[in-house]
Full PDB file with SEQRES, HELIX, SHEET, SSBOND, CRYST1, ORIGX, SCALE, CONECT and MASTER records, all heavy atoms in Angstrom:
SEQRES   1 A   38  ARG GLN CYS ALA GLY LEU HIS ALA THR LEU ARG SER LEU          
SEQRES   2 A   38  ARG GLU SER LEU PRO PRO GLY SER LEU SER ILE GLU ALA          
SEQRES   3 A   38  ARG GLN TYR PRO LEU ASP ARG GLN CYS ASN PRO TYR              
HELIX    1 AA1 GLN A    2  SER A   16  1                                  15    
CRYST1    1.000    1.000    1.000  90.00  90.00  90.00 P 1           1          
ORIGX1      1.000000  0.000000  0.000000        0.00000                         
ORIGX2      0.000000  1.000000  0.000000        0.00000                         
ORIGX3      0.000000  0.000000  1.000000        0.00000                         
SCALE1      1.000000  0.000000  0.000000        0.00000                         
SCALE2      0.000000  1.000000  0.000000        0.00000                         
SCALE3      0.000000  0.000000  1.000000        0.00000                         
ATOM      1  N   ARG A   1     -12.555 217.287 206.449  1.00  0.00           N  
ATOM      2  CA  ARG A   1     -14.002 217.418 206.263  1.00  0.00           C  
ATOM      3  C   ARG A   1     -14.367 217.672 204.812  1.00  0.00           C  
ATOM      4  O   ARG A   1     -15.384 217.171 204.315  1.00  0.00           O  
ATOM      5  CB  ARG A   1     -14.540 218.550 207.152  1.00  0.00           C  
ATOM      6  CG  ARG A   1     -14.451 218.226 208.639  1.00  0.00           C  
ATOM      7  CD  ARG A   1     -15.236 219.218 209.469  1.00  0.00           C  
ATOM      8  NE  ARG A   1     -15.202 218.861 210.881  1.00  0.00           N  
ATOM      9  CZ  ARG A   1     -15.891 219.495 211.821  1.00  0.00           C  
ATOM     10  NH1 ARG A   1     -16.645 220.540 211.496  1.00  0.00           N  
ATOM     11  NH2 ARG A   1     -15.820 219.105 213.077  1.00  0.00           N  
ATOM     12  N   GLN A   2     -13.569 218.482 204.121  1.00  0.00           N  
ATOM     13  CA  GLN A   2     -13.855 218.736 202.716  1.00  0.00           C  
ATOM     14  C   GLN A   2     -13.677 217.465 201.897  1.00  0.00           C  
ATOM     15  O   GLN A   2     -14.366 217.267 200.896  1.00  0.00           O  
ATOM     16  CB  GLN A   2     -12.953 219.851 202.184  1.00  0.00           C  
ATOM     17  CG  GLN A   2     -13.388 220.403 200.831  1.00  0.00           C  
ATOM     18  CD  GLN A   2     -12.609 221.632 200.419  1.00  0.00           C  
ATOM     19  OE1 GLN A   2     -11.949 222.265 201.235  1.00  0.00           O  
ATOM     20  NE2 GLN A   2     -12.690 221.977 199.143  1.00  0.00           N  
ATOM     21  N   CYS A   3     -12.771 216.580 202.333  1.00  0.00           N  
ATOM     22  CA  CYS A   3     -12.607 215.291 201.651  1.00  0.00           C  
ATOM     23  C   CYS A   3     -13.855 214.443 201.820  1.00  0.00           C  
ATOM     24  O   CYS A   3     -14.269 213.732 200.893  1.00  0.00           O  
ATOM     25  CB  CYS A   3     -11.393 214.545 202.204  1.00  0.00           C  
ATOM     26  SG  CYS A   3      -9.822 215.402 201.990  1.00  0.00           S  
ATOM     27  N   ALA A   4     -14.457 214.504 203.005  1.00  0.00           N  
ATOM     28  CA  ALA A   4     -15.711 213.779 203.231  1.00  0.00           C  
ATOM     29  C   ALA A   4     -16.808 214.307 202.318  1.00  0.00           C  
ATOM     30  O   ALA A   4     -17.607 213.539 201.769  1.00  0.00           O  
ATOM     31  CB  ALA A   4     -16.125 213.904 204.696  1.00  0.00           C  
ATOM     32  N   GLY A   5     -16.850 215.633 202.125  1.00  0.00           N  
ATOM     33  CA  GLY A   5     -17.814 216.214 201.205  1.00  0.00           C  
ATOM     34  C   GLY A   5     -17.571 215.769 199.773  1.00  0.00           C  
ATOM     35  O   GLY A   5     -18.512 215.491 199.020  1.00  0.00           O  
ATOM     36  N   LEU A   6     -16.294 215.690 199.371  1.00  0.00           N  
ATOM     37  CA  LEU A   6     -15.957 215.214 198.035  1.00  0.00           C  
ATOM     38  C   LEU A   6     -16.422 213.771 197.857  1.00  0.00           C  
ATOM     39  O   LEU A   6     -16.965 213.413 196.804  1.00  0.00           O  
ATOM     40  CB  LEU A   6     -14.447 215.312 197.811  1.00  0.00           C  
ATOM     41  CG  LEU A   6     -13.906 214.605 196.561  1.00  0.00           C  
ATOM     42  CD1 LEU A   6     -14.476 215.224 195.293  1.00  0.00           C  
ATOM     43  CD2 LEU A   6     -12.379 214.657 196.545  1.00  0.00           C  
ATOM     44  N   HIS A   7     -16.213 212.950 198.872  1.00  0.00           N  
ATOM     45  CA  HIS A   7     -16.621 211.544 198.784  1.00  0.00           C  
ATOM     46  C   HIS A   7     -18.131 211.438 198.567  1.00  0.00           C  
ATOM     47  O   HIS A   7     -18.594 210.633 197.741  1.00  0.00           O  
ATOM     48  CB  HIS A   7     -16.204 210.806 200.057  1.00  0.00           C  
ATOM     49  CG  HIS A   7     -16.400 209.323 199.986  1.00  0.00           C  
ATOM     50  ND1 HIS A   7     -15.542 208.492 199.297  1.00  0.00           N  
ATOM     51  CD2 HIS A   7     -17.380 208.524 200.502  1.00  0.00           C  
ATOM     52  CE1 HIS A   7     -15.955 207.243 199.394  1.00  0.00           C  
ATOM     53  NE2 HIS A   7     -17.070 207.227 200.125  1.00  0.00           N  
ATOM     54  N   ALA A   8     -18.899 212.268 199.287  1.00  0.00           N  
ATOM     55  CA  ALA A   8     -20.352 212.271 199.105  1.00  0.00           C  
ATOM     56  C   ALA A   8     -20.718 212.732 197.696  1.00  0.00           C  
ATOM     57  O   ALA A   8     -21.654 212.200 197.072  1.00  0.00           O  
ATOM     58  CB  ALA A   8     -21.002 213.171 200.152  1.00  0.00           C  
ATOM     59  N   THR A   9     -19.997 213.722 197.176  1.00  0.00           N  
ATOM     60  CA  THR A   9     -20.239 214.194 195.811  1.00  0.00           C  
ATOM     61  C   THR A   9     -19.984 213.086 194.796  1.00  0.00           C  
ATOM     62  O   THR A   9     -20.780 212.877 193.864  1.00  0.00           O  
ATOM     63  CB  THR A   9     -19.329 215.398 195.507  1.00  0.00           C  
ATOM     64  OG1 THR A   9     -19.722 216.502 196.320  1.00  0.00           O  
ATOM     65  CG2 THR A   9     -19.407 215.792 194.042  1.00  0.00           C  
ATOM     66  N   LEU A  10     -18.892 212.357 194.962  1.00  0.00           N  
ATOM     67  CA  LEU A  10     -18.567 211.284 194.025  1.00  0.00           C  
ATOM     68  C   LEU A  10     -19.586 210.154 194.102  1.00  0.00           C  
ATOM     69  O   LEU A  10     -19.920 209.537 193.081  1.00  0.00           O  
ATOM     70  CB  LEU A  10     -17.154 210.753 194.311  1.00  0.00           C  
ATOM     71  CG  LEU A  10     -16.017 211.754 194.074  1.00  0.00           C  
ATOM     72  CD1 LEU A  10     -14.673 211.145 194.454  1.00  0.00           C  
ATOM     73  CD2 LEU A  10     -15.992 212.211 192.613  1.00  0.00           C  
ATOM     74  N   ARG A  11     -20.095 209.882 195.303  1.00  0.00           N  
ATOM     75  CA  ARG A  11     -21.160 208.881 195.425  1.00  0.00           C  
ATOM     76  C   ARG A  11     -22.391 209.324 194.639  1.00  0.00           C  
ATOM     77  O   ARG A  11     -23.006 208.536 193.918  1.00  0.00           O  
ATOM     78  CB  ARG A  11     -21.510 208.653 196.889  1.00  0.00           C  
ATOM     79  CG  ARG A  11     -22.664 207.677 197.097  1.00  0.00           C  
ATOM     80  CD  ARG A  11     -23.023 207.540 198.557  1.00  0.00           C  
ATOM     81  NE  ARG A  11     -22.012 206.814 199.290  1.00  0.00           N  
ATOM     82  CZ  ARG A  11     -21.901 205.483 199.327  1.00  0.00           C  
ATOM     83  NH1 ARG A  11     -22.757 204.739 198.632  1.00  0.00           N  
ATOM     84  NH2 ARG A  11     -20.957 204.904 200.029  1.00  0.00           N  
ATOM     85  N   SER A  12     -22.743 210.617 194.764  1.00  0.00           N  
ATOM     86  CA  SER A  12     -23.901 211.142 194.053  1.00  0.00           C  
ATOM     87  C   SER A  12     -23.704 211.053 192.538  1.00  0.00           C  
ATOM     88  O   SER A  12     -24.624 210.663 191.803  1.00  0.00           O  
ATOM     89  CB  SER A  12     -24.148 212.597 194.466  1.00  0.00           C  
ATOM     90  OG  SER A  12     -25.172 213.187 193.705  1.00  0.00           O  
ATOM     91  N   LEU A  13     -22.501 211.393 192.063  1.00  0.00           N  
ATOM     92  CA  LEU A  13     -22.232 211.317 190.630  1.00  0.00           C  
ATOM     93  C   LEU A  13     -22.287 209.872 190.133  1.00  0.00           C  
ATOM     94  O   LEU A  13     -22.833 209.587 189.058  1.00  0.00           O  
ATOM     95  CB  LEU A  13     -20.857 211.909 190.319  1.00  0.00           C  
ATOM     96  CG  LEU A  13     -20.681 213.418 190.530  1.00  0.00           C  
ATOM     97  CD1 LEU A  13     -19.244 213.824 190.223  1.00  0.00           C  
ATOM     98  CD2 LEU A  13     -21.648 214.211 189.660  1.00  0.00           C  
ATOM     99  N   ARG A  14     -21.738 208.985 190.909  1.00  0.00           N  
ATOM    100  CA  ARG A  14     -21.716 207.578 190.499  1.00  0.00           C  
ATOM    101  C   ARG A  14     -23.121 207.000 190.397  1.00  0.00           C  
ATOM    102  O   ARG A  14     -23.403 206.168 189.534  1.00  0.00           O  
ATOM    103  CB  ARG A  14     -20.882 206.762 191.495  1.00  0.00           C  
ATOM    104  CG  ARG A  14     -20.508 205.388 191.011  1.00  0.00           C  
ATOM    105  CD  ARG A  14     -19.565 204.685 191.952  1.00  0.00           C  
ATOM    106  NE  ARG A  14     -20.190 204.351 193.218  1.00  0.00           N  
ATOM    107  CZ  ARG A  14     -19.670 203.514 194.114  1.00  0.00           C  
ATOM    108  NH1 ARG A  14     -18.483 202.964 193.859  1.00  0.00           N  
ATOM    109  NH2 ARG A  14     -20.269 203.253 195.248  1.00  0.00           N  
ATOM    110  N   GLU A  15     -23.992 207.469 191.292  1.00  0.00           N  
ATOM    111  CA  GLU A  15     -25.355 206.942 191.309  1.00  0.00           C  
ATOM    112  C   GLU A  15     -26.269 207.624 190.294  1.00  0.00           C  
ATOM    113  O   GLU A  15     -27.237 207.025 189.827  1.00  0.00           O  
ATOM    114  CB  GLU A  15     -25.938 207.097 192.718  1.00  0.00           C  
ATOM    115  CG  GLU A  15     -25.242 206.232 193.759  1.00  0.00           C  
ATOM    116  CD  GLU A  15     -25.739 206.514 195.167  1.00  0.00           C  
ATOM    117  OE1 GLU A  15     -26.491 207.510 195.348  1.00  0.00           O  
ATOM    118  OE2 GLU A  15     -25.371 205.760 196.097  1.00  0.00           O  
ATOM    119  N   SER A  16     -25.963 208.892 189.930  1.00  0.00           N  
ATOM    120  CA  SER A  16     -26.872 209.647 189.071  1.00  0.00           C  
ATOM    121  C   SER A  16     -26.484 209.628 187.592  1.00  0.00           C  
ATOM    122  O   SER A  16     -27.333 209.881 186.733  1.00  0.00           O  
ATOM    123  CB  SER A  16     -26.963 211.102 189.544  1.00  0.00           C  
ATOM    124  OG  SER A  16     -25.702 211.741 189.452  1.00  0.00           O  
ATOM    125  N   LEU A  17     -25.233 209.355 187.289  1.00  0.00           N  
ATOM    126  CA  LEU A  17     -24.777 209.374 185.903  1.00  0.00           C  
ATOM    127  C   LEU A  17     -24.765 207.964 185.314  1.00  0.00           C  
ATOM    128  O   LEU A  17     -24.653 206.979 186.055  1.00  0.00           O  
ATOM    129  CB  LEU A  17     -23.384 209.996 185.821  1.00  0.00           C  
ATOM    130  CG  LEU A  17     -23.318 211.476 186.200  1.00  0.00           C  
ATOM    131  CD1 LEU A  17     -21.874 211.941 186.278  1.00  0.00           C  
ATOM    132  CD2 LEU A  17     -24.099 212.331 185.192  1.00  0.00           C  
ATOM    133  N   PRO A  18     -24.861 207.861 183.997  1.00  0.00           N  
ATOM    134  CA  PRO A  18     -24.897 206.536 183.369  1.00  0.00           C  
ATOM    135  C   PRO A  18     -23.649 205.720 183.701  1.00  0.00           C  
ATOM    136  O   PRO A  18     -22.552 206.272 183.818  1.00  0.00           O  
ATOM    137  CB  PRO A  18     -24.969 206.858 181.868  1.00  0.00           C  
ATOM    138  CG  PRO A  18     -25.528 208.235 181.802  1.00  0.00           C  
ATOM    139  CD  PRO A  18     -25.015 208.944 183.014  1.00  0.00           C  
ATOM    140  N   PRO A  19     -23.795 204.417 183.859  1.00  0.00           N  
ATOM    141  CA  PRO A  19     -22.637 203.553 184.127  1.00  0.00           C  
ATOM    142  C   PRO A  19     -21.592 203.699 183.022  1.00  0.00           C  
ATOM    143  O   PRO A  19     -21.927 203.835 181.832  1.00  0.00           O  
ATOM    144  CB  PRO A  19     -23.244 202.140 184.141  1.00  0.00           C  
ATOM    145  CG  PRO A  19     -24.695 202.345 184.452  1.00  0.00           C  
ATOM    146  CD  PRO A  19     -25.056 203.655 183.818  1.00  0.00           C  
ATOM    147  N   GLY A  20     -20.347 203.689 183.410  1.00  0.00           N  
ATOM    148  CA  GLY A  20     -19.264 203.825 182.446  1.00  0.00           C  
ATOM    149  C   GLY A  20     -18.903 205.256 182.110  1.00  0.00           C  
ATOM    150  O   GLY A  20     -17.994 205.498 181.312  1.00  0.00           O  
ATOM    151  N   SER A  21     -19.605 206.254 182.724  1.00  0.00           N  
ATOM    152  CA  SER A  21     -19.314 207.660 182.441  1.00  0.00           C  
ATOM    153  C   SER A  21     -18.002 208.100 183.071  1.00  0.00           C  
ATOM    154  O   SER A  21     -17.320 208.978 182.544  1.00  0.00           O  
ATOM    155  CB  SER A  21     -20.443 208.554 182.947  1.00  0.00           C  
ATOM    156  OG  SER A  21     -21.653 208.249 182.314  1.00  0.00           O  
ATOM    157  N   LEU A  22     -17.682 207.538 184.217  1.00  0.00           N  
ATOM    158  CA  LEU A  22     -16.478 207.956 184.924  1.00  0.00           C  
ATOM    159  C   LEU A  22     -15.911 206.802 185.727  1.00  0.00           C  
ATOM    160  O   LEU A  22     -16.625 205.867 186.091  1.00  0.00           O  
ATOM    161  CB  LEU A  22     -16.766 209.132 185.854  1.00  0.00           C  
ATOM    162  CG  LEU A  22     -17.534 208.847 187.156  1.00  0.00           C  
ATOM    163  CD1 LEU A  22     -17.277 209.958 188.163  1.00  0.00           C  
ATOM    164  CD2 LEU A  22     -19.022 208.697 186.920  1.00  0.00           C  
ATOM    165  N   SER A  23     -14.637 206.876 185.977  1.00  0.00           N  
ATOM    166  CA  SER A  23     -13.990 205.973 186.922  1.00  0.00           C  
ATOM    167  C   SER A  23     -13.447 206.807 188.066  1.00  0.00           C  
ATOM    168  O   SER A  23     -12.916 207.903 187.835  1.00  0.00           O  
ATOM    169  CB  SER A  23     -12.861 205.182 186.249  1.00  0.00           C  
ATOM    170  OG  SER A  23     -11.870 206.052 185.747  1.00  0.00           O  
ATOM    171  N   ILE A  24     -13.632 206.320 189.272  1.00  0.00           N  
ATOM    172  CA  ILE A  24     -13.209 207.039 190.473  1.00  0.00           C  
ATOM    173  C   ILE A  24     -12.070 206.265 191.107  1.00  0.00           C  
ATOM    174  O   ILE A  24     -12.209 205.074 191.414  1.00  0.00           O  
ATOM    175  CB  ILE A  24     -14.376 207.195 191.465  1.00  0.00           C  
ATOM    176  CG1 ILE A  24     -15.510 207.987 190.814  1.00  0.00           C  
ATOM    177  CG2 ILE A  24     -13.904 207.878 192.741  1.00  0.00           C  
ATOM    178  CD1 ILE A  24     -16.777 208.031 191.658  1.00  0.00           C  
ATOM    179  N   GLU A  25     -10.950 206.932 191.286  1.00  0.00           N  
ATOM    180  CA  GLU A  25      -9.772 206.291 191.861  1.00  0.00           C  
ATOM    181  C   GLU A  25      -9.385 206.994 193.149  1.00  0.00           C  
ATOM    182  O   GLU A  25      -9.125 208.202 193.157  1.00  0.00           O  
ATOM    183  CB  GLU A  25      -8.612 206.339 190.871  1.00  0.00           C  
ATOM    184  CG  GLU A  25      -7.348 205.691 191.406  1.00  0.00           C  
ATOM    185  CD  GLU A  25      -6.173 205.858 190.469  1.00  0.00           C  
ATOM    186  OE1 GLU A  25      -6.163 206.823 189.689  1.00  0.00           O  
ATOM    187  OE2 GLU A  25      -5.252 205.022 190.527  1.00  0.00           O  
ATOM    188  N   ALA A  26      -9.372 206.240 194.229  1.00  0.00           N  
ATOM    189  CA  ALA A  26      -8.995 206.792 195.527  1.00  0.00           C  
ATOM    190  C   ALA A  26      -7.501 206.591 195.755  1.00  0.00           C  
ATOM    191  O   ALA A  26      -6.990 205.473 195.680  1.00  0.00           O  
ATOM    192  CB  ALA A  26      -9.785 206.109 196.641  1.00  0.00           C  
ATOM    193  N   ARG A  27      -6.814 207.692 196.007  1.00  0.00           N  
ATOM    194  CA  ARG A  27      -5.406 207.646 196.406  1.00  0.00           C  
ATOM    195  C   ARG A  27      -5.240 208.440 197.691  1.00  0.00           C  
ATOM    196  O   ARG A  27      -6.130 209.196 198.076  1.00  0.00           O  
ATOM    197  CB  ARG A  27      -4.502 208.161 195.283  1.00  0.00           C  
ATOM    198  CG  ARG A  27      -4.440 207.186 194.103  1.00  0.00           C  
ATOM    199  CD  ARG A  27      -3.468 207.590 193.039  1.00  0.00           C  
ATOM    200  NE  ARG A  27      -3.390 206.603 191.986  1.00  0.00           N  
ATOM    201  CZ  ARG A  27      -2.377 205.756 191.799  1.00  0.00           C  
ATOM    202  NH1 ARG A  27      -1.334 205.787 192.614  1.00  0.00           N  
ATOM    203  NH2 ARG A  27      -2.398 204.893 190.803  1.00  0.00           N  
ATOM    204  N   GLN A  28      -4.116 208.261 198.329  1.00  0.00           N  
ATOM    205  CA  GLN A  28      -3.986 208.714 199.711  1.00  0.00           C  
ATOM    206  C   GLN A  28      -3.002 209.872 199.854  1.00  0.00           C  
ATOM    207  O   GLN A  28      -1.942 209.880 199.217  1.00  0.00           O  
ATOM    208  CB  GLN A  28      -3.531 207.545 200.607  1.00  0.00           C  
ATOM    209  CG  GLN A  28      -4.344 206.264 200.433  1.00  0.00           C  
ATOM    210  CD  GLN A  28      -5.826 206.487 200.642  1.00  0.00           C  
ATOM    211  OE1 GLN A  28      -6.233 207.189 201.574  1.00  0.00           O  
ATOM    212  NE2 GLN A  28      -6.647 205.894 199.789  1.00  0.00           N  
ATOM    213  N   TYR A  29      -3.376 210.826 200.707  1.00  0.00           N  
ATOM    214  CA  TYR A  29      -2.470 211.926 201.070  1.00  0.00           C  
ATOM    215  C   TYR A  29      -2.717 212.264 202.544  1.00  0.00           C  
ATOM    216  O   TYR A  29      -3.269 213.317 202.880  1.00  0.00           O  
ATOM    217  CB  TYR A  29      -2.723 213.156 200.195  1.00  0.00           C  
ATOM    218  CG  TYR A  29      -1.545 214.117 200.180  1.00  0.00           C  
ATOM    219  CD1 TYR A  29      -0.515 213.954 199.270  1.00  0.00           C  
ATOM    220  CD2 TYR A  29      -1.461 215.166 201.091  1.00  0.00           C  
ATOM    221  CE1 TYR A  29       0.567 214.814 199.252  1.00  0.00           C  
ATOM    222  CE2 TYR A  29      -0.380 216.031 201.081  1.00  0.00           C  
ATOM    223  CZ  TYR A  29       0.634 215.858 200.165  1.00  0.00           C  
ATOM    224  OH  TYR A  29       1.701 216.712 200.159  1.00  0.00           O  
ATOM    225  N   PRO A  30      -2.308 211.349 203.462  1.00  0.00           N  
ATOM    226  CA  PRO A  30      -2.538 211.603 204.897  1.00  0.00           C  
ATOM    227  C   PRO A  30      -1.703 212.772 205.401  1.00  0.00           C  
ATOM    228  O   PRO A  30      -0.511 212.878 205.099  1.00  0.00           O  
ATOM    229  CB  PRO A  30      -2.109 210.286 205.554  1.00  0.00           C  
ATOM    230  CG  PRO A  30      -1.142 209.668 204.577  1.00  0.00           C  
ATOM    231  CD  PRO A  30      -1.627 210.078 203.217  1.00  0.00           C  
ATOM    232  N   LEU A  31      -2.340 213.656 206.140  1.00  0.00           N  
ATOM    233  CA  LEU A  31      -1.652 214.830 206.685  1.00  0.00           C  
ATOM    234  C   LEU A  31      -1.010 214.481 208.019  1.00  0.00           C  
ATOM    235  O   LEU A  31      -1.425 214.929 209.087  1.00  0.00           O  
ATOM    236  CB  LEU A  31      -2.640 215.992 206.830  1.00  0.00           C  
ATOM    237  CG  LEU A  31      -3.322 216.445 205.537  1.00  0.00           C  
ATOM    238  CD1 LEU A  31      -4.307 217.572 205.813  1.00  0.00           C  
ATOM    239  CD2 LEU A  31      -2.289 216.889 204.504  1.00  0.00           C  
ATOM    240  N   ASP A  32       0.009 213.659 207.935  1.00  0.00           N  
ATOM    241  CA  ASP A  32       0.709 213.195 209.131  1.00  0.00           C  
ATOM    242  C   ASP A  32       2.157 212.924 208.736  1.00  0.00           C  
ATOM    243  O   ASP A  32       2.423 212.101 207.847  1.00  0.00           O  
ATOM    244  CB  ASP A  32       0.049 211.926 209.676  1.00  0.00           C  
ATOM    245  CG  ASP A  32       0.582 211.538 211.050  1.00  0.00           C  
ATOM    246  OD1 ASP A  32       1.771 211.817 211.338  1.00  0.00           O  
ATOM    247  OD2 ASP A  32      -0.183 210.954 211.847  1.00  0.00           O  
ATOM    248  N   ARG A  33       3.082 213.595 209.400  1.00  0.00           N  
ATOM    249  CA  ARG A  33       4.490 213.444 209.055  1.00  0.00           C  
ATOM    250  C   ARG A  33       5.028 212.059 209.388  1.00  0.00           C  
ATOM    251  O   ARG A  33       6.123 211.697 208.955  1.00  0.00           O  
ATOM    252  CB  ARG A  33       5.326 214.511 209.773  1.00  0.00           C  
ATOM    253  CG  ARG A  33       5.089 215.919 209.248  1.00  0.00           C  
ATOM    254  CD  ARG A  33       6.108 216.901 209.803  1.00  0.00           C  
ATOM    255  NE  ARG A  33       7.460 216.587 209.357  1.00  0.00           N  
ATOM    256  CZ  ARG A  33       7.970 216.963 208.192  1.00  0.00           C  
ATOM    257  NH1 ARG A  33       7.234 217.658 207.343  1.00  0.00           N  
ATOM    258  NH2 ARG A  33       9.203 216.650 207.864  1.00  0.00           N  
ATOM    259  N   GLN A  34       4.270 211.263 210.135  1.00  0.00           N  
ATOM    260  CA  GLN A  34       4.698 209.899 210.415  1.00  0.00           C  
ATOM    261  C   GLN A  34       4.813 209.084 209.125  1.00  0.00           C  
ATOM    262  O   GLN A  34       5.647 208.172 209.042  1.00  0.00           O  
ATOM    263  CB  GLN A  34       3.691 209.226 211.357  1.00  0.00           C  
ATOM    264  CG  GLN A  34       3.605 209.842 212.741  1.00  0.00           C  
ATOM    265  CD  GLN A  34       4.854 209.576 213.572  1.00  0.00           C  
ATOM    266  OE1 GLN A  34       5.495 208.530 213.425  1.00  0.00           O  
ATOM    267  NE2 GLN A  34       5.211 210.510 214.433  1.00  0.00           N  
ATOM    268  N   CYS A  35       3.987 209.421 208.135  1.00  0.00           N  
ATOM    269  CA  CYS A  35       4.006 208.651 206.884  1.00  0.00           C  
ATOM    270  C   CYS A  35       4.030 209.541 205.644  1.00  0.00           C  
ATOM    271  O   CYS A  35       4.054 209.027 204.521  1.00  0.00           O  
ATOM    272  CB  CYS A  35       2.806 207.706 206.824  1.00  0.00           C  
ATOM    273  SG  CYS A  35       1.211 208.531 207.000  1.00  0.00           S  
ATOM    274  N   ASN A  36       4.000 210.856 205.827  1.00  0.00           N  
ATOM    275  CA  ASN A  36       3.990 211.780 204.695  1.00  0.00           C  
ATOM    276  C   ASN A  36       5.093 212.818 204.870  1.00  0.00           C  
ATOM    277  O   ASN A  36       4.931 213.801 205.596  1.00  0.00           O  
ATOM    278  CB  ASN A  36       2.625 212.476 204.592  1.00  0.00           C  
ATOM    279  CG  ASN A  36       2.539 213.415 203.390  1.00  0.00           C  
ATOM    280  OD1 ASN A  36       3.516 213.633 202.671  1.00  0.00           O  
ATOM    281  ND2 ASN A  36       1.366 213.989 203.171  1.00  0.00           N  
ATOM    282  N   PRO A  37       6.230 212.625 204.213  1.00  0.00           N  
ATOM    283  CA  PRO A  37       7.349 213.566 204.378  1.00  0.00           C  
ATOM    284  C   PRO A  37       7.063 214.950 203.796  1.00  0.00           C  
ATOM    285  O   PRO A  37       7.774 215.903 204.110  1.00  0.00           O  
ATOM    286  CB  PRO A  37       8.495 212.888 203.631  1.00  0.00           C  
ATOM    287  CG  PRO A  37       7.820 212.009 202.618  1.00  0.00           C  
ATOM    288  CD  PRO A  37       6.558 211.541 203.281  1.00  0.00           C  
ATOM    289  N   TYR A  38       6.020 215.083 202.967  1.00  0.00           N  
ATOM    290  CA  TYR A  38       5.701 216.374 202.358  1.00  0.00           C  
ATOM    291  C   TYR A  38       4.764 217.211 203.227  1.00  0.00           C  
ATOM    292  O   TYR A  38       4.545 218.388 202.943  1.00  0.00           O  
ATOM    293  CB  TYR A  38       5.034 216.177 200.990  1.00  0.00           C  
ATOM    294  CG  TYR A  38       5.830 215.333 200.039  1.00  0.00           C  
ATOM    295  CD1 TYR A  38       5.417 214.035 199.713  1.00  0.00           C  
ATOM    296  CD2 TYR A  38       6.995 215.804 199.446  1.00  0.00           C  
ATOM    297  CE1 TYR A  38       6.145 213.247 198.830  1.00  0.00           C  
ATOM    298  CE2 TYR A  38       7.731 215.032 198.574  1.00  0.00           C  
ATOM    299  CZ  TYR A  38       7.298 213.745 198.269  1.00  0.00           C  
ATOM    300  OH  TYR A  38       8.020 212.972 197.397  1.00  0.00           O  
TER     301      TYR A  38                                                      
MASTER        0    0    0    1    0    0    0    6  300    1    0    3          
END                                                                             
């Protein structure tokens, strides 16, 4: 749920700040031992 809140925050920043101010890169950390040994 906190990740969903972060996503909404990044959408707000992307829409409110000048273009080229930031780049947003999504990477994955699924909390499932089926694909995440950590």
